[in-house]
Amino acid sequence: MSVPIADQITDIVRAIVAEVLAVPAGELATDTDLREVEGTDSIKVLRLIARIEREYDVELEDDDVFGVSTIADVAGVVRKALDG
């Protein structure tokens, strides 16, 4: 049985967030507010977005990215960019 694309995107986004923010992926729920993760700052958020853009070879719109706060929200922005 294959994993739905949306779930794959969410899992990859979660892994990137975990790596960039130095937090175990298992501690990050899809509804985790990334602004609340200890040690998160604007530089790490920019790194996070850059990593996601490289992973998917997309350019995420600033308005979309900075208007979201959870892993699920970020995955939704990635899906939107891939569909567009």
N, C-alpha and C. Protein backbone atom coordinates (compact mmCIF):
# COMPACT_ATOMS: atom_id res chain seq x y z
N MET A 1 0.84 -1.18 0.00
CA MET A 1 0.00 0.00 0.00
C MET A 1 0.89 1.24 0.00
N SER A 2 0.62 2.17 -0.90
CA SER A 2 1.46 3.36 -0.98
C SER A 2 0.96 4.45 -0.03
N VAL A 3 1.88 5.32 0.35
CA VAL A 3 1.56 6.43 1.23
C VAL A 3 1.08 7.59 0.37
N PRO A 4 -0.05 8.23 0.73
CA PRO A 4 -0.52 9.37 -0.06
C PRO A 4 0.53 10.47 -0.15
N ILE A 5 0.56 11.16 -1.28
CA ILE A 5 1.54 12.22 -1.52
C ILE A 5 1.50 13.27 -0.41
N ALA A 6 0.32 13.66 0.03
CA ALA A 6 0.20 14.68 1.09
C ALA A 6 0.93 14.23 2.35
N ASP A 7 0.79 12.94 2.70
CA ASP A 7 1.48 12.41 3.88
C ASP A 7 2.98 12.40 3.68
N GLN A 8 3.43 12.08 2.47
CA GLN A 8 4.86 12.08 2.18
C GLN A 8 5.44 13.49 2.33
N ILE A 9 4.73 14.48 1.81
CA ILE A 9 5.20 15.86 1.92
C ILE A 9 5.27 16.25 3.40
N THR A 10 4.24 15.93 4.15
CA THR A 10 4.22 16.27 5.57
C THR A 10 5.38 15.59 6.30
N ASP A 11 5.65 14.34 6.00
CA ASP A 11 6.75 13.62 6.65
C ASP A 11 8.10 14.23 6.30
N ILE A 12 8.29 14.63 5.04
CA ILE A 12 9.56 15.23 4.64
C ILE A 12 9.72 16.61 5.28
N VAL A 13 8.64 17.39 5.29
CA VAL A 13 8.70 18.70 5.95
C VAL A 13 9.04 18.53 7.43
N ARG A 14 8.40 17.56 8.09
CA ARG A 14 8.68 17.30 9.51
C ARG A 14 10.15 16.94 9.70
N ALA A 15 10.71 16.11 8.84
CA ALA A 15 12.12 15.71 8.95
C ALA A 15 13.04 16.91 8.78
N ILE A 16 12.73 17.78 7.83
CA ILE A 16 13.55 18.97 7.61
C ILE A 16 13.45 19.91 8.81
N VAL A 17 12.24 20.11 9.32
CA VAL A 17 12.05 20.95 10.50
C VAL A 17 12.86 20.40 11.67
N ALA A 18 12.77 19.10 11.87
CA ALA A 18 13.50 18.47 12.98
C ALA A 18 15.00 18.70 12.85
N GLU A 19 15.51 18.53 11.66
CA GLU A 19 16.94 18.70 11.45
C GLU A 19 17.38 20.15 11.66
N VAL A 20 16.67 21.08 11.04
CA VAL A 20 17.05 22.49 11.13
C VAL A 20 16.90 23.02 12.55
N LEU A 21 15.84 22.61 13.24
CA LEU A 21 15.59 23.12 14.59
C LEU A 21 16.22 22.24 15.67
N ALA A 22 16.89 21.17 15.26
CA ALA A 22 17.57 20.25 16.19
C ALA A 22 16.62 19.71 17.26
N VAL A 23 15.49 19.20 16.76
CA VAL A 23 14.46 18.62 17.62
C VAL A 23 14.14 17.24 17.07
N PRO A 24 13.97 16.22 17.92
CA PRO A 24 13.59 14.91 17.40
C PRO A 24 12.26 14.98 16.64
N ALA A 25 12.22 14.38 15.47
CA ALA A 25 11.02 14.43 14.63
C ALA A 25 9.80 13.89 15.37
N GLY A 26 10.01 12.91 16.24
CA GLY A 26 8.91 12.33 16.99
C GLY A 26 8.25 13.30 17.95
N GLU A 27 8.92 14.39 18.27
CA GLU A 27 8.36 15.40 19.16
C GLU A 27 7.56 16.46 18.40
N LEU A 28 7.54 16.37 17.09
CA LEU A 28 6.88 17.38 16.27
C LEU A 28 5.58 16.83 15.68
N ALA A 29 4.47 17.26 16.23
CA ALA A 29 3.17 16.90 15.68
C ALA A 29 2.89 17.80 14.49
N THR A 30 1.97 17.39 13.63
CA THR A 30 1.67 18.21 12.46
C THR A 30 1.08 19.56 12.86
N ASP A 31 0.50 19.64 14.06
CA ASP A 31 -0.09 20.91 14.51
C ASP A 31 0.84 21.69 15.45
N THR A 32 2.11 21.27 15.54
CA THR A 32 3.07 22.00 16.36
C THR A 32 3.29 23.39 15.79
N ASP A 33 3.14 24.41 16.64
CA ASP A 33 3.40 25.79 16.21
C ASP A 33 4.91 25.97 16.20
N LEU A 34 5.46 26.13 15.02
CA LEU A 34 6.92 26.19 14.88
C LEU A 34 7.52 27.39 15.60
N ARG A 35 6.74 28.43 15.78
CA ARG A 35 7.22 29.61 16.50
C ARG A 35 7.43 29.33 17.97
N GLU A 36 6.80 28.25 18.45
CA GLU A 36 6.89 27.89 19.87
C GLU A 36 7.99 26.88 20.18
N VAL A 37 8.63 26.34 19.15
CA VAL A 37 9.69 25.35 19.36
C VAL A 37 10.91 26.08 19.91
N GLU A 38 11.42 25.58 21.02
CA GLU A 38 12.55 26.22 21.67
C GLU A 38 13.74 26.35 20.72
N GLY A 39 14.33 27.52 20.69
CA GLY A 39 15.50 27.76 19.85
C GLY A 39 15.18 28.26 18.46
N THR A 40 13.90 28.35 18.12
CA THR A 40 13.53 28.84 16.80
C THR A 40 13.77 30.34 16.72
N ASP A 41 14.42 30.77 15.66
CA ASP A 41 14.61 32.19 15.41
C ASP A 41 14.45 32.44 13.91
N SER A 42 14.52 33.69 13.51
CA SER A 42 14.26 34.04 12.12
C SER A 42 15.28 33.41 11.17
N ILE A 43 16.52 33.28 11.59
CA ILE A 43 17.55 32.67 10.75
C ILE A 43 17.22 31.20 10.50
N LYS A 44 16.82 30.49 11.53
CA LYS A 44 16.47 29.07 11.37
C LYS A 44 15.24 28.90 10.49
N VAL A 45 14.30 29.81 10.61
CA VAL A 45 13.10 29.74 9.76
C VAL A 45 13.51 29.92 8.30
N LEU A 46 14.38 30.88 8.03
CA LEU A 46 14.85 31.09 6.66
C LEU A 46 15.60 29.86 6.14
N ARG A 47 16.43 29.25 6.98
CA ARG A 47 17.13 28.01 6.59
C ARG A 47 16.14 26.90 6.28
N LEU A 48 15.15 26.81 7.13
CA LEU A 48 14.11 25.80 6.97
C LEU A 48 13.40 25.96 5.62
N ILE A 49 13.01 27.16 5.30
CA ILE A 49 12.32 27.41 4.03
C ILE A 49 13.25 27.12 2.85
N ALA A 50 14.50 27.55 2.96
CA ALA A 50 15.47 27.30 1.88
C ALA A 50 15.66 25.80 1.66
N ARG A 51 15.74 25.03 2.74
CA ARG A 51 15.90 23.57 2.61
C ARG A 51 14.69 22.94 1.93
N ILE A 52 13.51 23.38 2.31
CA ILE A 52 12.30 22.85 1.71
C ILE A 52 12.24 23.21 0.23
N GLU A 53 12.60 24.44 -0.11
CA GLU A 53 12.60 24.84 -1.51
C GLU A 53 13.58 24.01 -2.33
N ARG A 54 14.75 23.74 -1.77
CA ARG A 54 15.73 22.89 -2.49
C ARG A 54 15.22 21.46 -2.62
N GLU A 55 14.63 20.95 -1.57
CA GLU A 55 14.12 19.57 -1.59
C GLU A 55 13.10 19.37 -2.70
N TYR A 56 12.22 20.34 -2.88
CA TYR A 56 11.14 20.20 -3.84
C TYR A 56 11.36 21.00 -5.13
N ASP A 57 12.48 21.71 -5.22
CA ASP A 57 12.80 22.52 -6.39
C ASP A 57 11.64 23.46 -6.72
N VAL A 58 11.21 24.19 -5.70
CA VAL A 58 10.14 25.18 -5.85
C VAL A 58 10.58 26.47 -5.16
N GLU A 59 9.89 27.55 -5.50
CA GLU A 59 10.07 28.80 -4.78
C GLU A 59 8.76 29.09 -4.07
N LEU A 60 8.81 29.10 -2.76
CA LEU A 60 7.61 29.35 -1.97
C LEU A 60 7.40 30.85 -1.84
N GLU A 61 6.17 31.27 -1.98
CA GLU A 61 5.83 32.68 -1.88
C GLU A 61 5.97 33.15 -0.43
N ASP A 62 6.61 34.30 -0.24
CA ASP A 62 6.81 34.84 1.10
C ASP A 62 5.49 34.99 1.85
N ASP A 63 4.48 35.51 1.18
CA ASP A 63 3.18 35.71 1.83
C ASP A 63 2.60 34.39 2.34
N ASP A 64 2.80 33.32 1.55
CA ASP A 64 2.30 32.00 1.96
C ASP A 64 3.09 31.47 3.14
N VAL A 65 4.41 31.56 3.06
CA VAL A 65 5.28 30.98 4.08
C VAL A 65 5.13 31.69 5.42
N PHE A 66 5.14 33.00 5.38
CA PHE A 66 5.13 33.73 6.64
C PHE A 66 3.73 33.90 7.21
N GLY A 67 2.75 33.37 6.53
CA GLY A 67 1.39 33.37 7.04
C GLY A 67 0.99 32.07 7.70
N VAL A 68 1.92 31.12 7.79
CA VAL A 68 1.62 29.81 8.38
C VAL A 68 2.50 29.58 9.60
N SER A 69 2.11 28.60 10.43
CA SER A 69 2.90 28.37 11.64
C SER A 69 3.10 26.90 12.00
N THR A 70 2.38 25.99 11.37
CA THR A 70 2.50 24.58 11.74
C THR A 70 3.13 23.78 10.61
N ILE A 71 3.56 22.57 10.94
CA ILE A 71 4.11 21.67 9.93
C ILE A 71 3.06 21.38 8.86
N ALA A 72 1.83 21.15 9.29
CA ALA A 72 0.75 20.88 8.33
C ALA A 72 0.55 22.08 7.40
N ASP A 73 0.62 23.29 7.96
CA ASP A 73 0.47 24.50 7.15
C ASP A 73 1.59 24.61 6.11
N VAL A 74 2.82 24.37 6.56
CA VAL A 74 3.97 24.45 5.65
C VAL A 74 3.83 23.40 4.55
N ALA A 75 3.43 22.19 4.92
CA ALA A 75 3.23 21.14 3.92
C ALA A 75 2.16 21.56 2.91
N GLY A 76 1.13 22.26 3.37
CA GLY A 76 0.10 22.75 2.47
C GLY A 76 0.64 23.77 1.48
N VAL A 77 1.53 24.64 1.95
CA VAL A 77 2.16 25.63 1.07
C VAL A 77 3.01 24.92 0.01
N VAL A 78 3.70 23.87 0.42
CA VAL A 78 4.51 23.09 -0.53
C VAL A 78 3.60 22.44 -1.57
N ARG A 79 2.52 21.83 -1.13
CA ARG A 79 1.58 21.20 -2.06
C ARG A 79 1.03 22.23 -3.06
N LYS A 80 0.69 23.42 -2.56
CA LYS A 80 0.19 24.49 -3.42
C LYS A 80 1.24 24.87 -4.48
N ALA A 81 2.50 24.99 -4.05
CA ALA A 81 3.58 25.35 -4.99
C ALA A 81 3.78 24.25 -6.02
N LEU A 82 3.69 23.01 -5.61
CA LEU A 82 3.87 21.89 -6.53
C LEU A 82 2.71 21.80 -7.52
N ASP A 83 1.51 22.13 -7.07
CA ASP A 83 0.34 22.09 -7.94
C ASP A 83 0.31 23.25 -8.92
N GLY A 84 0.93 24.36 -8.51
CA GLY A 84 0.87 25.59 -9.32
C GLY A 84 1.91 25.57 -10.36
